Amino acid sequence: MKNYHVYLICTVGSKFKKTYVGYTSNLKKRILLHNSGKGAKATRGYTWKIIFKKKFLTKGDAMKFEYFLKKNKSLRKKLTSKSKLIY
């Protein structure tokens, strides 16, 4: 059975703090793609670190939560401010 992850990543070593939300079935591979410049266009040119992840059993549930997290700026800000504990 394939699991899916929704993740929130944040830039590392950049003047501006930038975040990105996505979903994947292979989290390690996806982060490597983001950091090698082959991920989503919005993530190119930055170094990224995972600050939040959540596992789902179905792709549909992961996609719904990804959409919710992308649209919920206050939750993203809260997770980003707590990220100091994760680093």
C-alpha atoms as a PDB file:
ATOM      1  CA  MET A   1       0.000   0.000   0.000  1.00  0.00           C
ATOM      2  CA  LYS A   2       1.341   3.393  -1.020  1.00  0.00           C
ATOM      3  CA  ASN A   3       1.366   6.242   1.495  1.00  0.00           C
ATOM      4  CA  TYR A   4       1.249   9.906   0.568  1.00  0.00           C
ATOM      5  CA  HIS A   5       2.776  12.848   2.402  1.00  0.00           C
ATOM      6  CA  VAL A   6       1.812  16.506   2.462  1.00  0.00           C
ATOM      7  CA  TYR A   7       4.821  18.616   3.298  1.00  0.00           C
ATOM      8  CA  LEU A   8       5.724  22.213   4.037  1.00  0.00           C
ATOM      9  CA  ILE A   9       9.246  23.282   3.175  1.00  0.00           C
ATOM     10  CA  CYS A  10      11.033  26.518   3.952  1.00  0.00           C
ATOM     11  CA  THR A  11      14.064  28.195   2.391  1.00  0.00           C
ATOM     12  CA  VAL A  12      17.408  27.903   4.150  1.00  0.00           C
ATOM     13  CA  GLY A  13      20.116  30.564   3.931  1.00  0.00           C
ATOM     14  CA  SER A  14      18.038  33.014   1.902  1.00  0.00           C
ATOM     15  CA  LYS A  15      17.361  36.708   2.563  1.00  0.00           C
ATOM     16  CA  PHE A  16      13.636  36.066   2.334  1.00  0.00           C
ATOM     17  CA  LYS A  17      11.781  33.267   4.095  1.00  0.00           C
ATOM     18  CA  LYS A  18       9.792  31.448   1.453  1.00  0.00           C
ATOM     19  CA  THR A  19       7.545  28.426   1.948  1.00  0.00           C
ATOM     20  CA  TYR A  20       6.136  25.798  -0.383  1.00  0.00           C
ATOM     21  CA  VAL A  21       3.453  23.139   0.137  1.00  0.00           C
ATOM     22  CA  GLY A  22       3.258  19.929  -1.865  1.00  0.00           C
ATOM     23  CA  TYR A  23       2.317  16.258  -1.740  1.00  0.00           C
ATOM     24  CA  THR A  24       4.204  13.154  -2.813  1.00  0.00           C
ATOM     25  CA  SER A  25       4.449   9.411  -2.383  1.00  0.00           C
ATOM     26  CA  ASN A  26       8.262   9.593  -2.008  1.00  0.00           C
ATOM     27  CA  LEU A  27       9.256  12.403   0.329  1.00  0.00           C
ATOM     28  CA  LYS A  28      13.049  11.915   0.216  1.00  0.00           C
ATOM     29  CA  LYS A  29      13.115  11.900  -3.582  1.00  0.00           C
ATOM     30  CA  ARG A  30      10.857  14.944  -3.793  1.00  0.00           C
ATOM     31  CA  ILE A  31      13.019  17.058  -1.469  1.00  0.00           C
ATOM     32  CA  LEU A  32      16.116  16.042  -3.431  1.00  0.00           C
ATOM     33  CA  LEU A  33      14.370  17.226  -6.612  1.00  0.00           C
ATOM     34  CA  HIS A  34      13.492  20.578  -5.010  1.00  0.00           C
ATOM     35  CA  ASN A  35      17.067  21.087  -3.815  1.00  0.00           C
ATOM     36  CA  SER A  36      18.605  20.088  -7.157  1.00  0.00           C
ATOM     37  CA  GLY A  37      16.507  22.648  -9.074  1.00  0.00           C
ATOM     38  CA  LYS A  38      14.329  20.019 -10.747  1.00  0.00           C
ATOM     39  CA  GLY A  39      11.290  20.365  -8.508  1.00  0.00           C
ATOM     40  CA  ALA A  40       8.416  22.762  -8.923  1.00  0.00           C
ATOM     41  CA  LYS A  41       9.283  25.978 -10.774  1.00  0.00           C
ATOM     42  CA  ALA A  42       8.564  28.082  -7.665  1.00  0.00           C
ATOM     43  CA  THR A  43      11.226  26.192  -5.679  1.00  0.00           C
ATOM     44  CA  ARG A  44      14.134  26.523  -8.101  1.00  0.00           C
ATOM     45  CA  GLY A  45      17.235  28.399  -6.999  1.00  0.00           C
ATOM     46  CA  TYR A  46      16.749  27.863  -3.254  1.00  0.00           C
ATOM     47  CA  THR A  47      17.813  25.338  -0.641  1.00  0.00           C
ATOM     48  CA  TRP A  48      14.877  23.808   1.216  1.00  0.00           C
ATOM     49  CA  LYS A  49      14.268  22.089   4.539  1.00  0.00           C
ATOM     50  CA  ILE A  50      11.164  20.184   5.621  1.00  0.00           C
ATOM     51  CA  ILE A  51       9.421  21.897   8.516  1.00  0.00           C
ATOM     52  CA  PHE A  52       6.144  19.939   8.505  1.00  0.00           C
ATOM     53  CA  LYS A  53       4.904  16.639   7.084  1.00  0.00           C
ATOM     54  CA  LYS A  54       1.750  14.583   7.464  1.00  0.00           C
ATOM     55  CA  LYS A  55       1.088  11.063   6.179  1.00  0.00           C
ATOM     56  CA  PHE A  56      -2.105   9.986   4.372  1.00  0.00           C
ATOM     57  CA  LEU A  57      -3.341   6.610   3.192  1.00  0.00           C
ATOM     58  CA  THR A  58      -4.981   7.893   0.009  1.00  0.00           C
ATOM     59  CA  LYS A  59      -3.910  10.315  -2.682  1.00  0.00           C
ATOM     60  CA  GLY A  60      -7.281  12.061  -2.523  1.00  0.00           C
ATOM     61  CA  ASP A  61      -6.967  12.805   1.186  1.00  0.00           C
ATOM     62  CA  ALA A  62      -3.413  14.096   0.670  1.00  0.00           C
ATOM     63  CA  MET A  63      -4.544  16.356  -2.171  1.00  0.00           C
ATOM     64  CA  LYS A  64      -7.418  17.767  -0.078  1.00  0.00           C
ATOM     65  CA  PHE A  65      -5.101  18.575   2.825  1.00  0.00           C
ATOM     66  CA  GLU A  66      -2.479  20.043   0.480  1.00  0.00           C
ATOM     67  CA  TYR A  67      -5.118  22.397  -0.945  1.00  0.00           C
ATOM     68  CA  PHE A  68      -6.280  23.324   2.581  1.00  0.00           C
ATOM     69  CA  LEU A  69      -2.706  24.054   3.738  1.00  0.00           C
ATOM     70  CA  LYS A  70      -1.872  26.063   0.609  1.00  0.00           C
ATOM     71  CA  LYS A  71      -4.893  28.304   1.133  1.00  0.00           C
ATOM     72  CA  ASN A  72      -4.534  28.646   4.929  1.00  0.00           C
ATOM     73  CA  LYS A  73      -1.835  31.324   5.248  1.00  0.00           C
ATOM     74  CA  SER A  74      -2.266  31.678   9.018  1.00  0.00           C
ATOM     75  CA  LEU A  75      -1.636  27.953   9.619  1.00  0.00           C
ATOM     76  CA  ARG A  76       1.412  28.055   7.339  1.00  0.00           C
ATOM     77  CA  LYS A  77       2.744  31.046   9.263  1.00  0.00           C
ATOM     78  CA  LYS A  78       2.163  29.270  12.582  1.00  0.00           C
ATOM     79  CA  LEU A  79       3.960  26.126  11.363  1.00  0.00           C
ATOM     80  CA  THR A  80       6.812  28.226   9.987  1.00  0.00           C
ATOM     81  CA  SER A  81       7.284  30.108  13.254  1.00  0.00           C
ATOM     82  CA  LYS A  82       7.364  26.801  15.154  1.00  0.00           C
ATOM     83  CA  SER A  83       9.945  25.452  12.704  1.00  0.00           C
ATOM     84  CA  LYS A  84      12.747  26.775  14.904  1.00  0.00           C
ATOM     85  CA  LEU A  85      12.035  23.775  17.128  1.00  0.00           C
ATOM     86  CA  ILE A  86      12.469  21.373  14.190  1.00  0.00           C
ATOM     87  CA  TYR A  87      15.733  22.831  12.876  1.00  0.00           C
END
